[in-house]
N, C-alpha and C. Protein backbone atom coordinates (compact mmCIF):
# COMPACT_ATOMS: atom_id res chain seq x y z
N MET A 1 -21.65 4.40 -28.55
CA MET A 1 -21.22 3.58 -27.81
C MET A 1 -20.07 3.76 -27.76
N LYS A 2 -19.00 4.04 -28.60
CA LYS A 2 -17.47 4.16 -28.89
C LYS A 2 -17.71 5.68 -26.97
N GLN A 3 -18.17 6.47 -27.35
CA GLN A 3 -18.45 7.59 -26.68
C GLN A 3 -18.97 7.62 -24.58
N PHE A 4 -19.71 6.67 -25.03
CA PHE A 4 -19.95 6.10 -23.90
C PHE A 4 -19.20 5.69 -22.81
N ARG A 5 -18.50 4.81 -23.66
CA ARG A 5 -17.17 3.71 -22.82
C ARG A 5 -16.56 5.46 -22.23
N GLN A 6 -15.78 5.88 -23.38
CA GLN A 6 -14.87 7.36 -22.77
C GLN A 6 -15.47 7.89 -21.42
N ILE A 7 -16.78 8.36 -21.52
CA ILE A 7 -17.44 8.58 -20.59
C ILE A 7 -17.09 7.81 -19.17
N ASP A 8 -17.43 6.36 -19.23
CA ASP A 8 -17.38 5.89 -18.70
C ASP A 8 -15.98 5.37 -17.79
N PHE A 9 -15.37 5.39 -18.95
CA PHE A 9 -14.11 5.41 -18.50
C PHE A 9 -13.70 6.45 -17.33
N LEU A 10 -13.64 7.44 -17.82
CA LEU A 10 -13.44 8.68 -17.19
C LEU A 10 -14.24 8.73 -16.04
N PHE A 11 -15.40 8.57 -15.38
CA PHE A 11 -16.21 7.94 -14.34
C PHE A 11 -15.10 7.68 -13.44
N VAL A 12 -14.89 6.33 -13.65
CA VAL A 12 -14.42 5.71 -13.04
C VAL A 12 -13.33 5.92 -12.28
N ILE A 13 -12.49 6.60 -13.48
CA ILE A 13 -10.78 7.45 -12.78
C ILE A 13 -11.02 8.63 -11.69
N VAL A 14 -12.27 9.20 -12.01
CA VAL A 14 -12.56 10.46 -10.94
C VAL A 14 -13.33 9.33 -10.16
N PHE A 15 -14.06 8.75 -9.44
CA PHE A 15 -15.21 7.90 -8.44
C PHE A 15 -13.98 7.31 -7.91
N THR A 16 -12.56 6.87 -8.47
CA THR A 16 -11.44 5.87 -8.06
C THR A 16 -11.16 7.00 -7.09
N ARG A 17 -10.55 8.11 -7.75
CA ARG A 17 -9.58 9.14 -7.06
C ARG A 17 -10.62 9.65 -5.91
N PHE A 18 -11.15 9.83 -6.22
CA PHE A 18 -12.75 10.21 -4.77
C PHE A 18 -12.63 9.07 -3.70
N CYS A 19 -12.51 7.83 -3.78
CA CYS A 19 -12.64 7.16 -2.83
C CYS A 19 -11.25 6.57 -2.45
N ILE A 20 -10.20 7.04 -2.93
CA ILE A 20 -8.70 6.90 -2.11
C ILE A 20 -9.27 8.37 -1.44
N PHE A 21 -8.99 9.25 -1.94
CA PHE A 21 -8.36 10.39 -1.01
C PHE A 21 -9.99 10.76 0.33
N SER A 22 -11.03 9.72 -0.13
CA SER A 22 -12.22 9.63 1.09
C SER A 22 -11.46 8.70 2.18
N ALA A 23 -11.11 7.44 1.72
CA ALA A 23 -10.99 6.57 2.75
C ALA A 23 -9.41 7.08 3.45
N LEU A 24 -8.73 7.78 2.82
CA LEU A 24 -7.55 8.15 3.59
C LEU A 24 -8.35 9.40 4.77
N ASN A 25 -9.23 10.56 4.22
CA ASN A 25 -9.11 11.26 4.72
C ASN A 25 -10.23 10.77 6.42
N GLN A 26 -11.51 10.02 6.05
CA GLN A 26 -11.58 9.05 7.27
C GLN A 26 -11.17 8.72 7.75
N MET A 27 -9.97 7.75 7.89
CA MET A 27 -8.59 7.52 8.80
C MET A 27 -8.61 8.42 9.45
N GLN A 28 -8.31 9.74 8.58
CA GLN A 28 -7.85 10.99 10.19
C GLN A 28 -6.59 11.11 10.22
N LEU A 29 -6.58 10.20 8.58
CA LEU A 29 -4.66 10.45 8.70
C LEU A 29 -4.13 11.98 8.71
N SER A 30 -3.27 11.96 8.77
CA SER A 30 -2.34 13.18 8.96
C SER A 30 -1.72 13.69 7.80
N PHE A 31 -1.82 14.85 6.89
CA PHE A 31 -1.00 14.86 5.78
C PHE A 31 -1.45 16.17 5.67
N PRO A 32 0.10 16.72 5.13
CA PRO A 32 0.13 18.61 4.47
C PRO A 32 -1.05 18.75 4.14
N SER A 33 -1.44 20.06 4.44
CA SER A 33 -2.43 20.47 3.73
C SER A 33 -1.60 20.78 2.13
N SER A 34 -0.94 20.34 1.78
CA SER A 34 -0.47 20.30 0.24
C SER A 34 -0.97 19.28 -0.65
N ALA A 35 -0.62 18.53 0.39
CA ALA A 35 -1.51 17.15 -0.19
C ALA A 35 -2.85 16.98 -1.34
N LYS A 36 -3.48 17.14 -0.41
CA LYS A 36 -5.02 17.56 -0.03
C LYS A 36 -4.93 18.56 -1.10
N SER A 37 -4.15 19.57 -1.28
CA SER A 37 -4.68 20.56 -2.60
C SER A 37 -4.25 19.68 -3.98
N ALA A 38 -2.91 19.43 -3.70
CA ALA A 38 -2.33 18.93 -5.10
C ALA A 38 -3.55 17.71 -6.19
N HIS A 39 -3.72 17.35 -4.75
CA HIS A 39 -4.62 15.53 -4.98
C HIS A 39 -6.04 16.48 -5.80
N ASN A 40 -7.00 17.41 -5.01
CA ASN A 40 -7.75 18.06 -5.42
C ASN A 40 -7.78 18.83 -7.23
N ALA A 41 -6.52 19.39 -7.35
CA ALA A 41 -6.06 20.02 -8.69
C ALA A 41 -6.16 18.71 -9.59
N LYS A 42 -5.38 17.72 -9.43
CA LYS A 42 -5.40 16.84 -10.37
C LYS A 42 -6.41 17.33 -11.82
N SER A 43 -5.52 16.80 -13.39
CA SER A 43 -6.36 17.40 -13.84
C SER A 43 -6.89 15.40 -14.19
N LEU A 44 -7.75 15.25 -14.69
CA LEU A 44 -7.63 13.83 -15.14
C LEU A 44 -7.12 13.75 -16.02
N GLY A 45 -6.48 12.09 -15.98
CA GLY A 45 -5.22 11.07 -17.12
C GLY A 45 -4.92 10.30 -17.27
N ASP A 46 -4.11 9.49 -17.93
CA ASP A 46 -4.32 8.31 -17.46
C ASP A 46 -3.84 7.59 -16.84
N ASN A 47 -3.77 6.22 -16.79
CA ASN A 47 -4.01 5.36 -15.48
C ASN A 47 -2.40 5.64 -14.96
N SER A 48 -1.52 5.90 -15.42
CA SER A 48 0.25 6.18 -14.87
C SER A 48 0.02 7.11 -13.93
N GLU A 49 -0.90 8.60 -14.40
CA GLU A 49 -1.13 9.54 -13.51
C GLU A 49 -1.55 9.32 -12.25
N MET A 50 -2.71 8.68 -12.32
CA MET A 50 -3.67 7.46 -11.69
C MET A 50 -2.87 6.71 -10.47
N MET A 51 -1.67 5.86 -10.28
CA MET A 51 -0.56 5.62 -10.09
C MET A 51 0.36 6.53 -9.51
N ASP A 52 0.80 7.51 -10.28
CA ASP A 52 1.44 8.00 -9.61
C ASP A 52 0.80 9.17 -8.30
N CYS A 53 -0.14 9.38 -7.82
CA CYS A 53 -1.01 9.83 -7.24
C CYS A 53 -1.66 9.19 -5.87
N VAL A 54 -1.94 7.67 -5.70
CA VAL A 54 -1.88 7.03 -5.04
C VAL A 54 -0.47 6.55 -4.33
N ALA A 55 0.84 6.79 -4.96
CA ALA A 55 2.11 6.65 -4.55
C ALA A 55 2.35 8.20 -3.78
N GLY A 56 1.91 9.29 -4.19
CA GLY A 56 2.01 10.01 -3.27
C GLY A 56 1.19 10.41 -2.49
N LEU A 57 -0.01 10.07 -2.43
CA LEU A 57 -1.04 10.01 -1.16
C LEU A 57 -0.36 8.69 0.03
N MET A 58 0.08 8.03 -0.44
CA MET A 58 0.58 6.61 0.85
C MET A 58 2.11 7.31 1.38
N LYS A 59 2.30 7.77 0.43
CA LYS A 59 4.21 8.65 0.64
C LYS A 59 3.80 9.41 1.83
N LYS A 60 2.78 9.92 1.78
CA LYS A 60 2.50 11.67 3.19
C LYS A 60 1.26 10.83 4.49
N VAL A 61 1.19 9.34 4.54
CA VAL A 61 0.43 8.56 5.24
C VAL A 61 1.61 8.72 6.75
N GLN A 62 0.96 9.66 7.50
CA GLN A 62 0.77 9.28 8.80
C GLN A 62 -0.16 8.75 9.52
N LEU A 63 0.11 8.27 10.64
CA LEU A 63 -0.64 7.32 11.44
C LEU A 63 -1.02 8.44 12.81
N SER A 64 -2.42 9.07 13.45
CA SER A 64 -2.40 9.73 14.21
C SER A 64 -2.41 8.83 15.99
N GLN A 65 -2.42 9.83 16.68
CA GLN A 65 -2.10 8.11 17.94
C GLN A 65 -3.51 7.20 18.17
N ASP A 66 -4.27 7.73 18.39
CA ASP A 66 -5.39 6.85 17.92
C ASP A 66 -6.06 5.89 16.94
N GLU A 67 -5.51 6.09 16.22
CA GLU A 67 -5.23 5.39 14.13
C GLU A 67 -4.06 4.66 15.63
N TRP A 68 -3.24 4.16 15.61
CA TRP A 68 -2.06 3.77 15.92
C TRP A 68 -2.74 2.57 17.44
N THR A 69 -3.28 3.38 18.13
CA THR A 69 -4.17 2.45 19.08
C THR A 69 -5.29 1.29 18.56
N ARG A 70 -5.78 1.84 17.74
CA ARG A 70 -6.68 1.49 16.16
C ARG A 70 -6.41 0.05 16.28
N TYR A 71 -5.24 0.54 15.05
CA TYR A 71 -4.79 -0.50 14.57
C TYR A 71 -3.36 -1.40 14.61
N CYS A 72 -2.48 -0.73 15.50
CA CYS A 72 -1.13 -1.36 15.71
C CYS A 72 -0.71 -1.18 17.67
N SER A 73 -1.75 -1.55 17.93
CA SER A 73 -1.65 -2.00 19.41
C SER A 73 -1.07 -3.04 19.63
N PRO A 74 -0.61 -3.47 20.91
CA PRO A 74 -0.16 -5.14 20.96
C PRO A 74 -0.81 -6.35 20.56
N SER A 75 -2.21 -5.85 20.15
CA SER A 75 -2.99 -6.71 20.62
C SER A 75 -3.30 -7.28 19.22
N HIS A 76 -3.20 -6.38 18.02
CA HIS A 76 -2.84 -6.37 16.49
C HIS A 76 -1.73 -7.43 16.49
N PHE A 77 -0.49 -7.70 17.47
CA PHE A 77 0.22 -8.37 16.59
C PHE A 77 -0.07 -10.08 16.88
N SER A 78 0.55 -10.63 16.20
CA SER A 78 0.47 -12.50 16.89
C SER A 78 2.09 -13.22 16.79
N GLU A 79 2.27 -13.68 17.50
CA GLU A 79 3.32 -14.62 17.58
C GLU A 79 3.05 -15.76 16.80
N PHE A 80 2.85 -15.86 16.19
CA PHE A 80 2.17 -17.06 14.56
C PHE A 80 2.82 -15.68 13.30
N ASN A 81 2.00 -15.92 12.82
CA ASN A 81 2.07 -14.96 11.23
C ASN A 81 2.14 -13.05 11.59
N TYR A 82 1.84 -12.16 10.50
CA TYR A 82 2.18 -10.85 10.32
C TYR A 82 0.89 -10.73 10.34
N THR A 83 0.28 -9.69 10.53
CA THR A 83 -2.12 -9.52 10.67
C THR A 83 -1.95 -8.46 9.42
N ARG A 84 -3.11 -8.36 9.11
CA ARG A 84 -3.74 -7.54 8.37
C ARG A 84 -4.80 -7.22 8.55
N ASN A 85 -4.68 -5.46 8.67
CA ASN A 85 -5.70 -5.17 9.51
C ASN A 85 -6.07 -3.91 8.20
N LEU A 86 -8.17 -4.61 8.01
CA LEU A 86 -8.49 -4.02 7.12
C LEU A 86 -8.86 -2.63 7.49
N VAL A 87 -8.17 -1.72 6.98
CA VAL A 87 -8.51 -0.12 7.35
C VAL A 87 -10.47 0.55 6.52
N TYR A 88 -10.08 0.24 5.50
CA TYR A 88 -10.70 0.85 4.31
C TYR A 88 -11.13 -0.53 3.73
N ILE A 89 -12.83 -0.35 2.87
CA ILE A 89 -12.26 -1.42 1.79
C ILE A 89 -13.62 -0.56 0.43
N THR A 90 -13.78 -0.43 -0.61
CA THR A 90 -14.41 -0.65 -1.45
C THR A 90 -14.31 -1.41 -2.91
N PRO A 91 -15.52 -1.27 -3.83
CA PRO A 91 -15.08 -2.33 -4.45
C PRO A 91 -14.13 -2.05 -5.74
N GLN A 92 -13.39 -1.09 -5.62
CA GLN A 92 -12.05 -0.17 -6.41
C GLN A 92 -10.83 -1.18 -5.30
N PHE A 93 -10.33 -0.86 -4.73
CA PHE A 93 -9.43 -0.96 -3.54
C PHE A 93 -9.28 -1.68 -2.70
N SER A 94 -8.78 -2.13 -1.35
CA SER A 94 -8.10 -1.87 -0.06
C SER A 94 -7.44 -1.23 0.86
N LEU A 95 -7.40 -1.13 1.95
CA LEU A 95 -6.00 -0.34 2.31
C LEU A 95 -6.67 -0.96 3.78
N MET A 96 -5.21 -0.76 4.26
CA MET A 96 -4.77 -2.22 5.34
C MET A 96 -3.57 -2.17 5.98
N ILE A 97 -3.83 -1.93 7.10
CA ILE A 97 -2.13 -1.77 7.79
C ILE A 97 -1.73 -3.23 8.41
N LEU A 98 -0.73 -3.33 8.42
CA LEU A 98 0.02 -4.66 8.91
C LEU A 98 0.46 -4.90 9.24
N CYS A 99 0.71 -5.04 10.43
CA CYS A 99 1.39 -5.67 11.66
C CYS A 99 2.36 -6.60 12.14
N TRP A 100 3.82 -6.88 11.86
CA TRP A 100 4.99 -7.42 11.72
C TRP A 100 5.71 -7.68 12.87
N ALA A 101 5.76 -9.00 14.00
CA ALA A 101 6.34 -9.31 15.05
C ALA A 101 7.94 -9.79 14.20
N PRO A 102 8.91 -9.98 15.28
CA PRO A 102 10.17 -10.47 14.59
C PRO A 102 10.20 -11.30 13.86
N GLY A 103 10.63 -10.95 12.15
CA GLY A 103 10.95 -12.31 11.94
C GLY A 103 9.90 -13.25 10.77
N GLN A 104 8.84 -11.96 10.57
CA GLN A 104 7.59 -12.87 10.18
C GLN A 104 7.59 -11.90 8.71
N GLN A 105 7.01 -13.04 8.19
CA GLN A 105 7.36 -12.59 6.60
C GLN A 105 6.00 -13.68 5.41
N THR A 106 5.89 -12.58 4.95
CA THR A 106 4.70 -13.42 3.94
C THR A 106 5.48 -14.27 3.32
N PRO A 107 4.25 -14.95 2.70
CA PRO A 107 4.93 -16.35 1.47
C PRO A 107 5.19 -15.94 0.55
N PRO A 108 6.00 -16.89 -0.64
CA PRO A 108 6.34 -16.37 -1.35
C PRO A 108 5.38 -15.90 -2.38
N HIS A 109 4.91 -14.45 -2.99
CA HIS A 109 3.95 -14.73 -3.84
C HIS A 109 4.09 -13.80 -4.76
N SER A 110 3.19 -13.27 -6.26
CA SER A 110 3.34 -12.28 -6.91
C SER A 110 2.17 -11.97 -7.38
N HIS A 111 1.79 -10.74 -7.51
CA HIS A 111 0.60 -10.12 -7.90
C HIS A 111 0.24 -10.70 -9.51
N GLY A 112 0.31 -10.50 -10.44
CA GLY A 112 -0.13 -10.90 -11.38
C GLY A 112 0.11 -10.23 -12.55
N ALA A 113 -0.09 -10.00 -13.23
CA ALA A 113 -0.13 -9.26 -14.86
C ALA A 113 -0.92 -8.49 -14.87
N GLY A 114 -0.21 -7.24 -14.85
CA GLY A 114 -1.00 -5.18 -14.82
C GLY A 114 -1.19 -5.65 -13.03
N ARG A 115 -1.20 -5.72 -12.34
CA ARG A 115 -1.42 -5.98 -10.62
C ARG A 115 -0.95 -4.88 -10.09
N LYS A 116 -0.75 -4.22 -9.23
CA LYS A 116 0.18 -2.76 -8.71
C LYS A 116 -0.71 -3.33 -7.13
N ALA A 117 0.33 -3.03 -5.88
CA ALA A 117 0.23 -2.61 -4.63
C ALA A 117 1.45 -2.06 -3.79
N TRP A 118 1.18 -1.04 -3.37
CA TRP A 118 2.19 -0.67 -2.81
C TRP A 118 2.05 -0.52 -1.28
N VAL A 119 2.90 0.03 -0.95
CA VAL A 119 3.50 -0.60 0.39
C VAL A 119 4.38 0.79 1.23
N LYS A 120 3.98 1.17 1.94
CA LYS A 120 4.69 2.36 2.97
C LYS A 120 5.06 1.68 4.69
N VAL A 121 6.26 1.74 4.83
CA VAL A 121 6.32 1.34 6.33
C VAL A 121 6.70 2.35 6.94
N LEU A 122 5.83 2.12 7.99
CA LEU A 122 5.67 3.41 8.69
C LEU A 122 6.34 3.18 10.45
N HIS A 123 6.77 2.30 11.15
CA HIS A 123 7.61 1.93 11.88
C HIS A 123 8.58 0.18 12.09
N GLY A 124 9.72 0.80 12.07
CA GLY A 124 10.66 -0.69 12.15
C GLY A 124 11.18 -0.47 10.78
N ALA A 125 11.65 -1.77 9.72
CA ALA A 125 11.85 -2.40 8.83
C ALA A 125 11.78 -3.10 8.59
N LEU A 126 10.98 -3.02 7.15
CA LEU A 126 11.12 -4.25 6.13
C LEU A 126 11.85 -4.91 4.94
N THR A 127 12.22 -5.89 4.50
CA THR A 127 12.87 -5.93 3.49
C THR A 127 12.27 -7.06 2.56
N LEU A 128 12.45 -6.52 1.50
CA LEU A 128 11.79 -7.28 0.13
C LEU A 128 13.20 -7.77 -0.16
N ASP A 129 12.21 -8.97 -0.49
CA ASP A 129 13.05 -10.09 -1.42
C ASP A 129 12.47 -10.32 -3.07
N ALA A 130 13.12 -10.14 -4.31
CA ALA A 130 12.60 -10.27 -5.29
C ALA A 130 12.88 -12.12 -5.63
N LEU A 131 12.72 -13.02 -5.75
CA LEU A 131 13.01 -14.24 -6.14
C LEU A 131 13.13 -15.01 -7.14
N GLY A 132 13.97 -15.43 -7.82
CA GLY A 132 14.27 -16.50 -9.34
C GLY A 132 12.73 -18.15 -9.09
N ASP A 133 13.43 -17.60 -10.26
CA ASP A 133 12.48 -19.06 -10.76
C ASP A 133 12.88 -20.37 -9.74
N ASP A 134 14.08 -20.54 -9.35
CA ASP A 134 14.29 -21.35 -8.09
C ASP A 134 14.63 -21.49 -7.17
N GLY A 135 13.69 -20.10 -6.50
CA GLY A 135 13.46 -19.79 -5.04
C GLY A 135 14.73 -18.77 -4.75
N SER A 136 15.73 -18.43 -5.51
CA SER A 136 16.61 -18.13 -4.83
C SER A 136 16.68 -16.11 -4.78
N THR A 137 17.33 -15.80 -4.25
CA THR A 137 16.94 -13.88 -4.15
C THR A 137 17.61 -13.48 -4.79
N ARG A 138 16.57 -12.56 -6.20
CA ARG A 138 17.82 -11.82 -6.98
C ARG A 138 18.07 -10.47 -6.52
N GLY A 139 17.73 -10.05 -5.42
CA GLY A 139 17.46 -8.80 -5.57
C GLY A 139 16.65 -8.85 -4.36
N THR A 140 17.46 -7.71 -3.44
CA THR A 140 16.81 -7.28 -2.18
C THR A 140 16.24 -5.77 -2.01
N TRP A 141 15.42 -5.06 -1.35
CA TRP A 141 15.30 -3.99 -1.32
C TRP A 141 15.06 -3.89 0.69
N ASP A 142 16.06 -2.40 1.08
CA ASP A 142 15.87 -2.65 3.08
C ASP A 142 14.15 -1.42 2.44
N LEU A 143 13.72 -1.48 2.94
CA LEU A 143 12.42 -0.77 3.51
C LEU A 143 12.07 -0.08 4.70
N SER A 144 12.05 1.07 4.89
CA SER A 144 12.28 2.23 6.31
C SER A 144 11.15 3.68 5.79
N PRO A 145 10.83 3.77 7.43
CA PRO A 145 9.61 4.97 7.25
C PRO A 145 10.53 6.00 6.60
N ASP A 146 11.47 6.06 6.68
CA ASP A 146 12.72 6.98 5.69
C ASP A 146 12.39 6.54 4.35
N SER A 147 12.32 5.04 3.56
CA SER A 147 12.16 5.12 1.79
C SER A 147 10.68 5.23 1.84
N ALA A 148 11.03 5.25 0.27
CA ALA A 148 10.30 5.69 -0.60
C ALA A 148 9.10 4.57 -0.45
N VAL A 149 7.66 4.99 -1.41
CA VAL A 149 6.80 4.03 -1.24
C VAL A 149 7.21 2.59 -2.18
N MET A 150 6.74 2.15 -1.29
CA MET A 150 7.15 0.62 -2.87
C MET A 150 6.10 0.63 -3.67
N GLN A 151 6.21 0.44 -5.12
CA GLN A 151 5.43 0.00 -5.66
C GLN A 151 5.83 -1.33 -6.05
N GLU A 152 4.51 -2.79 -5.68
CA GLU A 152 4.84 -4.33 -5.94
C GLU A 152 3.91 -4.22 -7.55
N ASP A 153 4.74 -4.75 -8.52
CA ASP A 153 3.90 -4.97 -9.67
C ASP A 153 4.65 -6.37 -9.81
N GLU A 154 4.21 -6.53 -11.20
CA GLU A 154 4.66 -8.11 -12.03
C GLU A 154 6.08 -8.31 -12.37
N THR A 155 6.76 -6.63 -12.47
CA THR A 155 7.97 -7.09 -12.71
C THR A 155 9.05 -7.73 -11.26
N LEU A 156 8.51 -7.77 -10.38
CA LEU A 156 9.08 -8.13 -9.33
C LEU A 156 9.13 -10.13 -9.18
N LEU A 157 8.05 -9.99 -9.79
CA LEU A 157 7.80 -11.52 -10.41
C LEU A 157 7.29 -12.61 -8.97
N GLU A 158 7.84 -13.09 -8.63
CA GLU A 158 8.06 -13.37 -7.09
C GLU A 158 8.69 -12.87 -5.78
N HIS A 159 8.25 -12.80 -5.35
CA HIS A 159 8.86 -11.68 -3.80
C HIS A 159 7.76 -11.94 -2.95
N GLN A 160 8.90 -11.48 -1.92
CA GLN A 160 7.84 -11.88 -0.40
C GLN A 160 8.93 -10.28 0.59
N LEU A 161 7.30 -9.73 1.37
CA LEU A 161 8.20 -9.05 2.23
C LEU A 161 8.48 -9.86 3.61
N ARG A 162 9.39 -9.47 4.53
CA ARG A 162 9.86 -9.95 5.74
C ARG A 162 10.27 -8.45 6.60
N ASN A 163 10.15 -9.01 8.13
CA ASN A 163 10.63 -8.71 8.81
C ASN A 163 12.04 -9.45 9.84
N ALA A 164 13.63 -8.40 9.34
CA ALA A 164 14.39 -9.00 9.52
C ALA A 164 14.80 -9.07 10.31
N SER A 165 14.67 -8.21 12.00
CA SER A 165 14.62 -7.87 12.87
C SER A 165 14.56 -9.04 13.48
N ASP A 166 15.42 -9.53 14.70
CA ASP A 166 14.88 -10.64 15.65
C ASP A 166 14.28 -9.48 17.27
N VAL A 167 14.35 -8.39 16.98
CA VAL A 167 13.48 -7.61 18.36
C VAL A 167 12.57 -6.90 17.87
N THR A 168 12.65 -5.84 16.57
CA THR A 168 12.08 -4.94 16.71
C THR A 168 10.35 -5.22 15.76
N ASN A 169 8.91 -4.69 16.48
CA ASN A 169 8.59 -4.85 15.35
C ASN A 169 8.40 -3.52 14.35
N ALA A 170 7.33 -4.42 13.09
CA ALA A 170 7.50 -3.00 11.83
C ALA A 170 5.74 -3.17 11.43
N VAL A 171 5.42 -1.71 11.33
CA VAL A 171 4.19 -1.53 10.88
C VAL A 171 4.12 -1.13 9.11
N SER A 172 3.23 -1.63 8.83
CA SER A 172 3.35 -1.17 7.13
C SER A 172 1.97 -1.04 6.74
N ALA A 173 2.14 0.87 5.95
CA ALA A 173 0.23 0.12 5.21
C ALA A 173 0.51 0.11 3.72
N SER A 174 -0.79 -0.57 3.38
CA SER A 174 -0.30 -1.71 1.94
C SER A 174 -1.83 -0.86 1.83
N TYR A 175 -1.97 -0.72 0.56
CA TYR A 175 -2.63 0.16 -0.76
C TYR A 175 -3.00 -1.42 -1.36
N VAL A 176 -4.02 -2.07 -2.07
CA VAL A 176 -4.35 -2.91 -3.02
C VAL A 176 -5.25 -2.71 -3.61
N PRO A 177 -5.26 -2.42 -5.09
CA PRO A 177 -6.62 -2.62 -5.89
C PRO A 177 -7.04 -3.53 -6.31
N LEU A 178 -8.53 -4.35 -5.74
CA LEU A 178 -9.00 -5.72 -5.99
C LEU A 178 -9.29 -6.17 -7.17
N ILE A 179 -9.27 -7.01 -7.32
CA ILE A 179 -9.28 -7.90 -8.95
C ILE A 179 -11.03 -7.59 -8.96
N GLU A 180 -11.15 -7.95 -10.71
CA GLU A 180 -12.33 -7.40 -10.36
C GLU A 180 -12.97 -8.95 -10.55
């Protein structure tokens, strides 16, 4: 039985990696060919290797003109709230493009113990505020297309993302593992 669980665990890792790669390829996102080669060459490893793989793939995401039209056209923005446009979903994760009009923000939230999400800004700028128990800001990160991929996890506790601009729209990509 123990051997079966190890084989089952390895299958889940391989399948999840396949799904990530397939989802990003299905979206016809442009990445350097070296990113595809590096992904295909990855050996099986622990969960932290998988997290590094996701962050590496998210860092290379660039939308084609067709994808900008499909997921980020003016009709994808709302005057009331930021929008989440589901691009791809599997039982393991979802991939979304978020469209932020000036001044829009998420409500304060956390992802819970052991949960992670990745955010990459594709256009404009976002600000991530880590919040204290009393709602005060205890840390701020400015995110832009030139920034690293932001990994949100339980170390942030309560936090919120916002488009701090009062004139420029922002667009971000988000990879979120689904809750089992």
